[in-house]
Amino acid sequence: MKSVQIQNADMAWPIAANILLPSGFDESRVYPTIVSVHPFGSCKEQTSGNVYGKALAEAGFVVIAYDASYQGESGGVPRWIESPTQRVEDVSHVIDYAVTLPYVDADRIGIIGVCGGGAYAINATLTEKRIKAVVGITPVNLGRLFREGFSGYNPLGTLEAMAAQRTKEARGVELQVNELLPPSVETARANGLTDRDVLEATDYYKTPHGQKPGGWTRMLFSHAQKTLSWDAFAFAETLLTQPVMVVVGEKVGAFGAYRDGTEIYGRATASKDRQIVSLENSSHYDLYDKPEAVDPALEKLVPFLKAHLGNSASA
């Protein structure tokens, strides 16, 4: 693995990325390449890089796992902005960098994303036709989630509160950075939180189970307005022409990945090859790093990506 700072001519700040190389890598050859997109509130060192990125590199792909703008080790201020538009633009910037690498086959680029990253990957694929295949692992449509559970089913009230807070901050008040999860599972339960996704997310992000320095699970409240008007799957029936695979767990929770995953599978009618992998005994966060969920997911998605991107390097 090597760490790089991606900086293209039209970028205002660099994107930090890890490039994972296949075993027996030969820089004189060209490889099918996967862009790996991390979840909402996460970083490249978590599931997108150290689980799926690692496995895909072992399967023969070059993998570029990167931190979103404003997050992790990437640039952009103020910090912890969750901007769907920027998140999707980040994908194109990473591909711009990838196609300059002599060992990347520009005609064999795929993308994979986990949780919110899965929906961002799918949305990027609608318009970024350098992407030849996409896999969404337990994908969550952040726009839908913000309009519903994350706003307490009061999106207009939330937008008013964001507007008021942004005005205060413009006048010099300290930025309001919201912590997305309780500090511990015990605290969550003490406060009456019982949802599977909330408890499992807290266990992943707030304990050594999955915790990494760049995975802050924070969001700048005043700059999240555009998320509430965003839809990851808009125009999918027309624009999502590339092969798409969706992996979901049937143990559902409040974040709605099963719902979103089955929705985009149903709407991807223009895709050349659409597939859904539904794992009966897995939850959203099992698919982050639990072998009993990750292994069957990989058994399906690796052959899918090889079928559409090729399964070996070429001279």
C-alpha atoms as a PDB file:
ATOM      1  CA  MET A   1       0.000   0.000   0.000  1.00  0.00           C
ATOM      2  CA  LYS A   2       1.131   3.521  -0.678  1.00  0.00           C
ATOM      3  CA  SER A   3      -0.401   6.800   0.488  1.00  0.00           C
ATOM      4  CA  VAL A   4      -0.819   9.698  -1.937  1.00  0.00           C
ATOM      5  CA  GLN A   5      -2.203  13.218  -2.046  1.00  0.00           C
ATOM      6  CA  ILE A   6      -4.372  13.697  -5.121  1.00  0.00           C
ATOM      7  CA  GLN A   7      -4.322  17.226  -6.536  1.00  0.00           C
ATOM      8  CA  ASN A   8      -5.752  17.980  -9.971  1.00  0.00           C
ATOM      9  CA  ALA A   9      -5.724  21.345 -11.724  1.00  0.00           C
ATOM     10  CA  ASP A  10      -9.388  22.089 -10.928  1.00  0.00           C
ATOM     11  CA  MET A  11      -9.250  21.017  -7.274  1.00  0.00           C
ATOM     12  CA  ALA A  12      -9.193  23.554  -4.462  1.00  0.00           C
ATOM     13  CA  TRP A  13      -7.580  21.103  -2.004  1.00  0.00           C
ATOM     14  CA  PRO A  14      -5.919  17.684  -2.052  1.00  0.00           C
ATOM     15  CA  ILE A  15      -7.647  14.350  -1.480  1.00  0.00           C
ATOM     16  CA  ALA A  16      -5.774  11.833   0.652  1.00  0.00           C
ATOM     17  CA  ALA A  17      -5.828   8.273  -0.673  1.00  0.00           C
ATOM     18  CA  ASN A  18      -4.324   4.856  -0.112  1.00  0.00           C
ATOM     19  CA  ILE A  19      -3.470   2.789  -3.184  1.00  0.00           C
ATOM     20  CA  LEU A  20      -3.631  -0.942  -2.561  1.00  0.00           C
ATOM     21  CA  LEU A  21      -1.708  -3.025  -5.077  1.00  0.00           C
ATOM     22  CA  PRO A  22      -2.206  -6.664  -6.076  1.00  0.00           C
ATOM     23  CA  SER A  23       0.197  -9.365  -5.014  1.00  0.00           C
ATOM     24  CA  GLY A  24       3.037  -9.664  -7.508  1.00  0.00           C
ATOM     25  CA  PHE A  25       2.342  -6.163  -8.787  1.00  0.00           C
ATOM     26  CA  ASP A  26       4.256  -5.263 -11.942  1.00  0.00           C
ATOM     27  CA  GLU A  27       4.282  -1.556 -12.788  1.00  0.00           C
ATOM     28  CA  SER A  28       4.934  -2.352 -16.456  1.00  0.00           C
ATOM     29  CA  ARG A  29       1.454  -3.914 -16.758  1.00  0.00           C
ATOM     30  CA  VAL A  30      -2.021  -2.359 -16.568  1.00  0.00           C
ATOM     31  CA  TYR A  31      -4.665  -3.481 -14.100  1.00  0.00           C
ATOM     32  CA  PRO A  32      -8.411  -3.252 -13.610  1.00  0.00           C
ATOM     33  CA  THR A  33      -8.904  -0.619 -10.923  1.00  0.00           C
ATOM     34  CA  ILE A  34     -11.512  -0.033  -8.218  1.00  0.00           C
ATOM     35  CA  VAL A  35     -12.339   3.291  -6.552  1.00  0.00           C
ATOM     36  CA  SER A  36     -13.490   2.574  -2.988  1.00  0.00           C
ATOM     37  CA  VAL A  37     -15.817   5.044  -1.230  1.00  0.00           C
ATOM     38  CA  HIS A  38     -16.107   5.118   2.549  1.00  0.00           C
ATOM     39  CA  PRO A  39     -19.330   5.427   4.578  1.00  0.00           C
ATOM     40  CA  PHE A  40     -20.877   8.602   5.962  1.00  0.00           C
ATOM     41  CA  GLY A  41     -18.769   9.688   8.945  1.00  0.00           C
ATOM     42  CA  SER A  42     -16.031   7.191   8.151  1.00  0.00           C
ATOM     43  CA  CYS A  43     -12.553   7.228   6.588  1.00  0.00           C
ATOM     44  CA  LYS A  44     -10.431   5.275   4.127  1.00  0.00           C
ATOM     45  CA  GLU A  45      -8.808   3.163   6.853  1.00  0.00           C
ATOM     46  CA  GLN A  46     -12.118   1.624   7.846  1.00  0.00           C
ATOM     47  CA  THR A  47     -14.298  -0.815   5.913  1.00  0.00           C
ATOM     48  CA  SER A  48     -13.804   0.704   2.447  1.00  0.00           C
ATOM     49  CA  GLY A  49     -10.040   0.277   2.653  1.00  0.00           C
ATOM     50  CA  ASN A  50      -9.082  -2.311   5.244  1.00  0.00           C
ATOM     51  CA  VAL A  51     -11.853  -4.797   4.397  1.00  0.00           C
ATOM     52  CA  TYR A  52     -13.186  -4.457   0.850  1.00  0.00           C
ATOM     53  CA  GLY A  53     -10.155  -2.624  -0.541  1.00  0.00           C
ATOM     54  CA  LYS A  54      -7.774  -5.208   0.893  1.00  0.00           C
ATOM     55  CA  ALA A  55      -9.852  -8.112  -0.426  1.00  0.00           C
ATOM     56  CA  LEU A  56     -10.143  -6.619  -3.906  1.00  0.00           C
ATOM     57  CA  ALA A  57      -6.400  -5.996  -4.089  1.00  0.00           C
ATOM     58  CA  GLU A  58      -5.842  -9.630  -3.115  1.00  0.00           C
ATOM     59  CA  ALA A  59      -8.212 -10.556  -5.960  1.00  0.00           C
ATOM     60  CA  GLY A  60      -5.991  -8.769  -8.497  1.00  0.00           C
ATOM     61  CA  PHE A  61      -7.344  -5.225  -8.654  1.00  0.00           C
ATOM     62  CA  VAL A  62      -5.592  -1.936  -8.022  1.00  0.00           C
ATOM     63  CA  VAL A  63      -7.743  -0.219  -5.389  1.00  0.00           C
ATOM     64  CA  ILE A  64      -7.841   3.481  -4.543  1.00  0.00           C
ATOM     65  CA  ALA A  65      -9.484   4.104  -1.159  1.00  0.00           C
ATOM     66  CA  TYR A  66      -9.697   7.787  -0.306  1.00  0.00           C
ATOM     67  CA  ASP A  67     -10.983  10.257   2.294  1.00  0.00           C
ATOM     68  CA  ALA A  68     -13.865  12.510   1.296  1.00  0.00           C
ATOM     69  CA  SER A  69     -13.260  16.237   1.021  1.00  0.00           C
ATOM     70  CA  TYR A  70     -13.511  18.016   4.406  1.00  0.00           C
ATOM     71  CA  GLN A  71     -12.946  14.696   6.186  1.00  0.00           C
ATOM     72  CA  GLY A  72     -10.168  12.369   7.301  1.00  0.00           C
ATOM     73  CA  GLU A  73      -6.775  13.414   5.926  1.00  0.00           C
ATOM     74  CA  SER A  74      -8.224  15.196   2.886  1.00  0.00           C
ATOM     75  CA  GLY A  75      -8.337  18.977   2.578  1.00  0.00           C
ATOM     76  CA  GLY A  76     -11.260  21.358   2.716  1.00  0.00           C
ATOM     77  CA  VAL A  77     -12.426  23.777   5.403  1.00  0.00           C
ATOM     78  CA  PRO A  78     -14.432  24.066   7.508  1.00  0.00           C
ATOM     79  CA  ARG A  79     -14.079  20.482   8.589  1.00  0.00           C
ATOM     80  CA  TRP A  80     -16.705  17.738   8.723  1.00  0.00           C
ATOM     81  CA  ILE A  81     -18.915  19.011   5.939  1.00  0.00           C
ATOM     82  CA  GLU A  82     -21.098  16.290   4.425  1.00  0.00           C
ATOM     83  CA  SER A  83     -21.827  17.545   0.920  1.00  0.00           C
ATOM     84  CA  PRO A  84     -23.369  15.001  -1.472  1.00  0.00           C
ATOM     85  CA  THR A  85     -22.408  17.096  -4.490  1.00  0.00           C
ATOM     86  CA  GLN A  86     -18.791  17.285  -3.343  1.00  0.00           C
ATOM     87  CA  ARG A  87     -18.743  13.621  -2.406  1.00  0.00           C
ATOM     88  CA  VAL A  88     -19.764  12.679  -5.943  1.00  0.00           C
ATOM     89  CA  GLU A  89     -17.312  15.175  -7.436  1.00  0.00           C
ATOM     90  CA  ASP A  90     -14.560  13.580  -5.360  1.00  0.00           C
ATOM     91  CA  VAL A  91     -15.120  10.362  -7.317  1.00  0.00           C
ATOM     92  CA  SER A  92     -14.387  12.094 -10.612  1.00  0.00           C
ATOM     93  CA  HIS A  93     -11.274  13.734  -9.166  1.00  0.00           C
ATOM     94  CA  VAL A  94      -9.992  10.348  -7.995  1.00  0.00           C
ATOM     95  CA  ILE A  95     -10.641   8.877 -11.449  1.00  0.00           C
ATOM     96  CA  ASP A  96      -8.858  11.864 -13.038  1.00  0.00           C
ATOM     97  CA  TYR A  97      -5.837  10.884 -10.963  1.00  0.00           C
ATOM     98  CA  ALA A  98      -6.207   7.161 -11.604  1.00  0.00           C
ATOM     99  CA  VAL A  99      -6.109   7.502 -15.384  1.00  0.00           C
ATOM    100  CA  THR A 100      -2.708   9.229 -15.149  1.00  0.00           C
ATOM    101  CA  LEU A 101      -1.149   6.179 -13.478  1.00  0.00           C
ATOM    102  CA  PRO A 102       0.686   3.994 -16.003  1.00  0.00           C
ATOM    103  CA  TYR A 103      -0.517   0.777 -14.360  1.00  0.00           C
ATOM    104  CA  VAL A 104      -4.244   1.693 -14.363  1.00  0.00           C
ATOM    105  CA  ASP A 105      -6.315   0.529 -17.326  1.00  0.00           C
ATOM    106  CA  ALA A 106      -8.547   3.535 -18.021  1.00  0.00           C
ATOM    107  CA  ASP A 107     -11.075   1.290 -19.755  1.00  0.00           C
ATOM    108  CA  ARG A 108     -11.441  -1.021 -16.757  1.00  0.00           C
ATOM    109  CA  ILE A 109     -12.401   1.198 -13.819  1.00  0.00           C
ATOM    110  CA  GLY A 110     -15.059   0.137 -11.329  1.00  0.00           C
ATOM    111  CA  ILE A 111     -16.353   1.582  -8.086  1.00  0.00           C
ATOM    112  CA  ILE A 112     -17.498   0.174  -4.771  1.00  0.00           C
ATOM    113  CA  GLY A 113     -18.952   1.977  -1.793  1.00  0.00           C
ATOM    114  CA  VAL A 114     -20.223   1.097   1.675  1.00  0.00           C
ATOM    115  CA  CYS A 115     -23.260   2.622   3.447  1.00  0.00           C
ATOM    116  CA  GLY A 116     -23.573   6.260   2.352  1.00  0.00           C
ATOM    117  CA  GLY A 117     -20.530   5.596   0.171  1.00  0.00           C
ATOM    118  CA  GLY A 118     -22.515   2.918  -1.632  1.00  0.00           C
ATOM    119  CA  ALA A 119     -25.200   5.403  -2.625  1.00  0.00           C
ATOM    120  CA  TYR A 120     -22.560   7.990  -3.574  1.00  0.00           C
ATOM    121  CA  ALA A 121     -20.885   5.366  -5.774  1.00  0.00           C
ATOM    122  CA  ILE A 122     -24.175   4.593  -7.498  1.00  0.00           C
ATOM    123  CA  ASN A 123     -24.970   8.280  -7.963  1.00  0.00           C
ATOM    124  CA  ALA A 124     -21.524   8.959  -9.427  1.00  0.00           C
ATOM    125  CA  THR A 125     -22.044   6.108 -11.879  1.00  0.00           C
ATOM    126  CA  LEU A 126     -25.137   7.808 -13.307  1.00  0.00           C
ATOM    127  CA  THR A 127     -23.018  10.494 -14.986  1.00  0.00           C
ATOM    128  CA  GLU A 128     -19.404   9.292 -14.721  1.00  0.00           C
ATOM    129  CA  LYS A 129     -19.217   6.901 -17.656  1.00  0.00           C
ATOM    130  CA  ARG A 130     -15.558   6.115 -17.075  1.00  0.00           C
ATOM    131  CA  ILE A 131     -17.012   3.825 -14.392  1.00  0.00           C
ATOM    132  CA  LYS A 132     -17.724   0.460 -16.017  1.00  0.00           C
ATOM    133  CA  ALA A 133     -19.304  -1.361 -13.049  1.00  0.00           C
ATOM    134  CA  VAL A 134     -20.581  -0.390  -9.596  1.00  0.00           C
ATOM    135  CA  VAL A 135     -21.170  -2.263  -6.347  1.00  0.00           C
ATOM    136  CA  GLY A 136     -23.148  -0.769  -3.473  1.00  0.00           C
ATOM    137  CA  ILE A 137     -22.554  -2.519  -0.149  1.00  0.00           C
ATOM    138  CA  THR A 138     -25.533  -1.891   2.168  1.00  0.00           C
ATOM    139  CA  PRO A 139     -26.093   1.475   0.392  1.00  0.00           C
ATOM    140  CA  VAL A 140     -27.881   4.288   2.229  1.00  0.00           C
ATOM    141  CA  ASN A 141     -29.445   7.196   0.332  1.00  0.00           C
ATOM    142  CA  LEU A 142     -28.322  10.038   2.614  1.00  0.00           C
ATOM    143  CA  GLY A 143     -30.877  12.445   1.206  1.00  0.00           C
ATOM    144  CA  ARG A 144     -33.738  10.124   2.106  1.00  0.00           C
ATOM    145  CA  LEU A 145     -32.268   9.445   5.551  1.00  0.00           C
ATOM    146  CA  PHE A 146     -31.796  13.161   6.284  1.00  0.00           C
ATOM    147  CA  ARG A 147     -35.354  13.975   5.238  1.00  0.00           C
ATOM    148  CA  GLU A 148     -36.655  11.216   7.478  1.00  0.00           C
ATOM    149  CA  GLY A 149     -34.941   9.872  10.581  1.00  0.00           C
ATOM    150  CA  PHE A 150     -32.027  12.294  10.815  1.00  0.00           C
ATOM    151  CA  SER A 151     -34.390  15.288  10.809  1.00  0.00           C
ATOM    152  CA  GLY A 152     -36.901  13.642  13.121  1.00  0.00           C
ATOM    153  CA  TYR A 153     -39.227  13.522  10.100  1.00  0.00           C
ATOM    154  CA  ASN A 154     -39.249  17.309  10.151  1.00  0.00           C
ATOM    155  CA  PRO A 155     -37.076  18.353   7.195  1.00  0.00           C
ATOM    156  CA  LEU A 156     -38.477  21.877   6.969  1.00  0.00           C
ATOM    157  CA  GLY A 157     -37.894  22.516  10.655  1.00  0.00           C
ATOM    158  CA  THR A 158     -34.367  21.170  10.310  1.00  0.00           C
ATOM    159  CA  LEU A 159     -33.683  23.461   7.340  1.00  0.00           C
ATOM    160  CA  GLU A 160     -34.909  26.455   9.348  1.00  0.00           C
ATOM    161  CA  ALA A 161     -32.615  25.501  12.215  1.00  0.00           C
ATOM    162  CA  MET A 162     -29.665  25.085   9.835  1.00  0.00           C
ATOM    163  CA  ALA A 163     -30.365  28.499   8.312  1.00  0.00           C
ATOM    164  CA  ALA A 164     -30.485  30.165  11.708  1.00  0.00           C
ATOM    165  CA  GLN A 165     -27.277  28.462  12.824  1.00  0.00           C
ATOM    166  CA  ARG A 166     -25.434  29.399   9.639  1.00  0.00           C
ATOM    167  CA  THR A 167     -26.380  33.050  10.142  1.00  0.00           C
ATOM    168  CA  LYS A 168     -25.046  32.919  13.703  1.00  0.00           C
ATOM    169  CA  GLU A 169     -21.796  31.378  12.517  1.00  0.00           C
ATOM    170  CA  ALA A 170     -21.403  33.994   9.788  1.00  0.00           C
ATOM    171  CA  ARG A 171     -21.600  36.566  12.570  1.00  0.00           C
ATOM    172  CA  GLY A 172     -18.865  34.884  14.587  1.00  0.00           C
ATOM    173  CA  VAL A 173     -20.546  32.245  16.735  1.00  0.00           C
ATOM    174  CA  GLU A 174     -18.611  28.976  17.157  1.00  0.00           C
ATOM    175  CA  LEU A 175     -19.373  26.322  14.563  1.00  0.00           C
ATOM    176  CA  GLN A 176     -21.912  23.686  15.627  1.00  0.00           C
ATOM    177  CA  VAL A 177     -20.375  20.279  14.991  1.00  0.00           C
ATOM    178  CA  ASN A 178     -22.848  17.480  15.693  1.00  0.00           C
ATOM    179  CA  GLU A 179     -21.668  14.121  16.966  1.00  0.00           C
ATOM    180  CA  LEU A 180     -23.589  11.513  14.998  1.00  0.00           C
ATOM    181  CA  LEU A 181     -23.447   8.713  17.570  1.00  0.00           C
ATOM    182  CA  PRO A 182     -23.512   8.239  21.348  1.00  0.00           C
ATOM    183  CA  PRO A 183     -20.105   7.929  23.012  1.00  0.00           C
ATOM    184  CA  SER A 184     -20.726   4.280  23.919  1.00  0.00           C
ATOM    185  CA  VAL A 185     -23.235   1.477  23.560  1.00  0.00           C
ATOM    186  CA  GLU A 186     -23.903   1.709  27.297  1.00  0.00           C
ATOM    187  CA  THR A 187     -24.750   5.403  26.983  1.00  0.00           C
ATOM    188  CA  ALA A 188     -27.015   4.667  24.036  1.00  0.00           C
ATOM    189  CA  ARG A 189     -28.948   2.048  25.972  1.00  0.00           C
ATOM    190  CA  ALA A 190     -29.118   4.273  29.075  1.00  0.00           C
ATOM    191  CA  ASN A 191     -30.796   6.903  26.913  1.00  0.00           C
ATOM    192  CA  GLY A 192     -33.373   4.444  25.638  1.00  0.00           C
ATOM    193  CA  LEU A 193     -31.820   3.804  22.222  1.00  0.00           C
ATOM    194  CA  THR A 194     -32.555   0.290  21.069  1.00  0.00           C
ATOM    195  CA  ASP A 195     -32.293   0.355  17.267  1.00  0.00           C
ATOM    196  CA  ARG A 196     -29.943  -2.227  15.774  1.00  0.00           C
ATOM    197  CA  ASP A 197     -28.179   0.217  13.438  1.00  0.00           C
ATOM    198  CA  VAL A 198     -27.540   2.811  16.144  1.00  0.00           C
ATOM    199  CA  LEU A 199     -26.136   0.288  18.602  1.00  0.00           C
ATOM    200  CA  GLU A 200     -24.016  -1.529  16.025  1.00  0.00           C
ATOM    201  CA  ALA A 201     -22.724   1.743  14.571  1.00  0.00           C
ATOM    202  CA  THR A 202     -21.703   2.873  18.044  1.00  0.00           C
ATOM    203  CA  ASP A 203     -19.940  -0.419  18.675  1.00  0.00           C
ATOM    204  CA  TYR A 204     -18.077  -0.085  15.361  1.00  0.00           C
ATOM    205  CA  TYR A 205     -17.085   3.574  15.465  1.00  0.00           C
ATOM    206  CA  LYS A 206     -16.690   4.203  19.205  1.00  0.00           C
ATOM    207  CA  THR A 207     -14.706   1.148  20.285  1.00  0.00           C
ATOM    208  CA  PRO A 208     -11.496  -0.561  19.108  1.00  0.00           C
ATOM    209  CA  HIS A 209     -13.760  -2.820  17.017  1.00  0.00           C
ATOM    210  CA  GLY A 210     -13.633  -0.372  14.115  1.00  0.00           C
ATOM    211  CA  GLN A 211     -12.395   2.943  15.476  1.00  0.00           C
ATOM    212  CA  LYS A 212      -9.756   4.801  13.438  1.00  0.00           C
ATOM    213  CA  PRO A 213      -8.288   8.304  13.897  1.00  0.00           C
ATOM    214  CA  GLY A 214      -9.935   9.694  10.752  1.00  0.00           C
ATOM    215  CA  GLY A 215     -13.393   8.200  11.349  1.00  0.00           C
ATOM    216  CA  TRP A 216     -14.838  11.035  13.365  1.00  0.00           C
ATOM    217  CA  THR A 217     -18.605  10.444  12.863  1.00  0.00           C
ATOM    218  CA  ARG A 218     -19.100  14.204  13.034  1.00  0.00           C
ATOM    219  CA  MET A 219     -21.009  16.656  10.843  1.00  0.00           C
ATOM    220  CA  LEU A 220     -21.055  20.439  10.567  1.00  0.00           C
ATOM    221  CA  PHE A 221     -24.759  21.094  11.103  1.00  0.00           C
ATOM    222  CA  SER A 222     -25.038  24.472   9.382  1.00  0.00           C
ATOM    223  CA  HIS A 223     -23.589  23.261   6.078  1.00  0.00           C
ATOM    224  CA  ALA A 224     -25.747  20.176   5.580  1.00  0.00           C
ATOM    225  CA  GLN A 225     -28.783  21.899   4.013  1.00  0.00           C
ATOM    226  CA  LYS A 226     -28.187  20.579   0.501  1.00  0.00           C
ATOM    227  CA  THR A 227     -28.279  17.001   1.753  1.00  0.00           C
ATOM    228  CA  LEU A 228     -32.004  17.298   2.441  1.00  0.00           C
ATOM    229  CA  SER A 229     -32.776  18.083  -1.209  1.00  0.00           C
ATOM    230  CA  TRP A 230     -30.495  15.397  -2.635  1.00  0.00           C
ATOM    231  CA  ASP A 231     -31.564  12.007  -3.992  1.00  0.00           C
ATOM    232  CA  ALA A 232     -28.873   9.444  -4.746  1.00  0.00           C
ATOM    233  CA  PHE A 233     -31.126   7.580  -7.151  1.00  0.00           C
ATOM    234  CA  ALA A 234     -32.643  10.400  -9.189  1.00  0.00           C
ATOM    235  CA  PHE A 235     -32.848   9.524 -12.907  1.00  0.00           C
ATOM    236  CA  ALA A 236     -31.491   6.018 -12.265  1.00  0.00           C
ATOM    237  CA  GLU A 237     -34.032   4.466 -14.634  1.00  0.00           C
ATOM    238  CA  THR A 238     -32.493   6.434 -17.499  1.00  0.00           C
ATOM    239  CA  LEU A 239     -28.858   7.037 -16.570  1.00  0.00           C
ATOM    240  CA  LEU A 240     -27.706   3.950 -14.663  1.00  0.00           C
ATOM    241  CA  THR A 241     -26.675   1.900 -17.681  1.00  0.00           C
ATOM    242  CA  GLN A 242     -23.558   0.222 -16.287  1.00  0.00           C
ATOM    243  CA  PRO A 243     -23.628  -3.155 -14.503  1.00  0.00           C
ATOM    244  CA  VAL A 244     -24.720  -2.720 -10.886  1.00  0.00           C
ATOM    245  CA  MET A 245     -24.666  -5.056  -7.911  1.00  0.00           C
ATOM    246  CA  VAL A 246     -26.282  -4.270  -4.576  1.00  0.00           C
ATOM    247  CA  VAL A 247     -25.498  -6.203  -1.384  1.00  0.00           C
ATOM    248  CA  VAL A 248     -27.915  -5.878   1.533  1.00  0.00           C
ATOM    249  CA  GLY A 249     -28.521  -7.552   4.865  1.00  0.00           C
ATOM    250  CA  GLU A 250     -32.021  -8.627   5.790  1.00  0.00           C
ATOM    251  CA  LYS A 251     -31.621  -7.765   9.485  1.00  0.00           C
ATOM    252  CA  VAL A 252     -32.931  -4.244   9.044  1.00  0.00           C
ATOM    253  CA  GLY A 253     -32.324  -1.142  11.133  1.00  0.00           C
ATOM    254  CA  ALA A 254     -33.293   2.513  11.201  1.00  0.00           C
ATOM    255  CA  PHE A 255     -30.748   3.702   8.633  1.00  0.00           C
ATOM    256  CA  GLY A 256     -32.686   1.982   5.862  1.00  0.00           C
ATOM    257  CA  ALA A 257     -30.014   0.289   3.760  1.00  0.00           C
ATOM    258  CA  TYR A 258     -32.190  -2.721   2.942  1.00  0.00           C
ATOM    259  CA  ARG A 259     -34.946  -0.416   1.742  1.00  0.00           C
ATOM    260  CA  ASP A 260     -32.573   1.747  -0.302  1.00  0.00           C
ATOM    261  CA  GLY A 261     -30.696  -1.200  -1.762  1.00  0.00           C
ATOM    262  CA  THR A 262     -33.808  -2.975  -2.942  1.00  0.00           C
ATOM    263  CA  GLU A 263     -35.162   0.306  -4.309  1.00  0.00           C
ATOM    264  CA  ILE A 264     -32.176   1.038  -6.531  1.00  0.00           C
ATOM    265  CA  TYR A 265     -32.077  -2.570  -7.706  1.00  0.00           C
ATOM    266  CA  GLY A 266     -35.686  -2.228  -8.766  1.00  0.00           C
ATOM    267  CA  ARG A 267     -35.100   1.103 -10.491  1.00  0.00           C
ATOM    268  CA  ALA A 268     -31.903   0.154 -12.357  1.00  0.00           C
ATOM    269  CA  THR A 269     -33.880  -1.059 -15.359  1.00  0.00           C
ATOM    270  CA  ALA A 270     -31.456   0.453 -17.886  1.00  0.00           C
ATOM    271  CA  SER A 271     -28.465  -1.399 -16.421  1.00  0.00           C
ATOM    272  CA  LYS A 272     -26.673  -3.897 -18.623  1.00  0.00           C
ATOM    273  CA  ASP A 273     -26.541  -6.309 -15.680  1.00  0.00           C
ATOM    274  CA  ARG A 274     -28.293  -5.656 -12.374  1.00  0.00           C
ATOM    275  CA  GLN A 275     -27.921  -8.040  -9.457  1.00  0.00           C
ATOM    276  CA  ILE A 276     -28.919  -8.042  -5.807  1.00  0.00           C
ATOM    277  CA  VAL A 277     -27.346 -10.111  -3.060  1.00  0.00           C
ATOM    278  CA  SER A 278     -29.627 -10.327  -0.031  1.00  0.00           C
ATOM    279  CA  LEU A 279     -28.057 -11.914   3.053  1.00  0.00           C
ATOM    280  CA  GLU A 280     -30.686 -13.343   5.365  1.00  0.00           C
ATOM    281  CA  ASN A 281     -28.648 -13.431   8.561  1.00  0.00           C
ATOM    282  CA  SER A 282     -26.692 -10.167   8.186  1.00  0.00           C
ATOM    283  CA  SER A 283     -27.226  -6.606   9.352  1.00  0.00           C
ATOM    284  CA  HIS A 284     -25.957  -3.301   7.964  1.00  0.00           C
ATOM    285  CA  TYR A 285     -22.885  -3.253  10.203  1.00  0.00           C
ATOM    286  CA  ASP A 286     -22.193  -6.967   9.840  1.00  0.00           C
ATOM    287  CA  LEU A 287     -21.348  -6.045   6.238  1.00  0.00           C
ATOM    288  CA  TYR A 288     -18.656  -3.654   7.448  1.00  0.00           C
ATOM    289  CA  ASP A 289     -16.272  -6.298   8.729  1.00  0.00           C
ATOM    290  CA  LYS A 290     -17.914  -9.476  10.014  1.00  0.00           C
ATOM    291  CA  PRO A 291     -16.573 -12.458   8.016  1.00  0.00           C
ATOM    292  CA  GLU A 292     -19.932 -14.222   8.109  1.00  0.00           C
ATOM    293  CA  ALA A 293     -21.384 -11.318   6.088  1.00  0.00           C
ATOM    294  CA  VAL A 294     -18.336  -9.983   4.219  1.00  0.00           C
ATOM    295  CA  ASP A 295     -17.211 -13.363   2.884  1.00  0.00           C
ATOM    296  CA  PRO A 296     -20.469 -14.225   1.078  1.00  0.00           C
ATOM    297  CA  ALA A 297     -20.628 -10.649  -0.209  1.00  0.00           C
ATOM    298  CA  LEU A 298     -17.135 -10.996  -1.663  1.00  0.00           C
ATOM    299  CA  GLU A 299     -18.006 -14.376  -3.155  1.00  0.00           C
ATOM    300  CA  LYS A 300     -20.570 -12.562  -5.293  1.00  0.00           C
ATOM    301  CA  LEU A 301     -19.025  -9.163  -5.937  1.00  0.00           C
ATOM    302  CA  VAL A 302     -15.490 -10.263  -6.891  1.00  0.00           C
ATOM    303  CA  PRO A 303     -16.689 -12.463  -9.796  1.00  0.00           C
ATOM    304  CA  PHE A 304     -19.143  -9.720 -10.778  1.00  0.00           C
ATOM    305  CA  LEU A 305     -16.348  -7.143 -11.019  1.00  0.00           C
ATOM    306  CA  LYS A 306     -14.027  -9.564 -12.801  1.00  0.00           C
ATOM    307  CA  ALA A 307     -16.743 -10.370 -15.329  1.00  0.00           C
ATOM    308  CA  HIS A 308     -17.141  -6.704 -16.232  1.00  0.00           C
ATOM    309  CA  LEU A 309     -13.597  -5.376 -15.714  1.00  0.00           C
ATOM    310  CA  GLY A 310     -11.476  -8.394 -16.552  1.00  0.00           C
ATOM    311  CA  ASN A 311      -9.710 -10.640 -14.100  1.00  0.00           C
ATOM    312  CA  SER A 312      -6.049 -10.018 -14.780  1.00  0.00           C
ATOM    313  CA  ALA A 313      -3.410  -7.490 -15.669  1.00  0.00           C
ATOM    314  CA  SER A 314      -2.485  -6.971 -19.286  1.00  0.00           C
ATOM    315  CA  ALA A 315       0.747  -5.980 -20.967  1.00  0.00           C
END
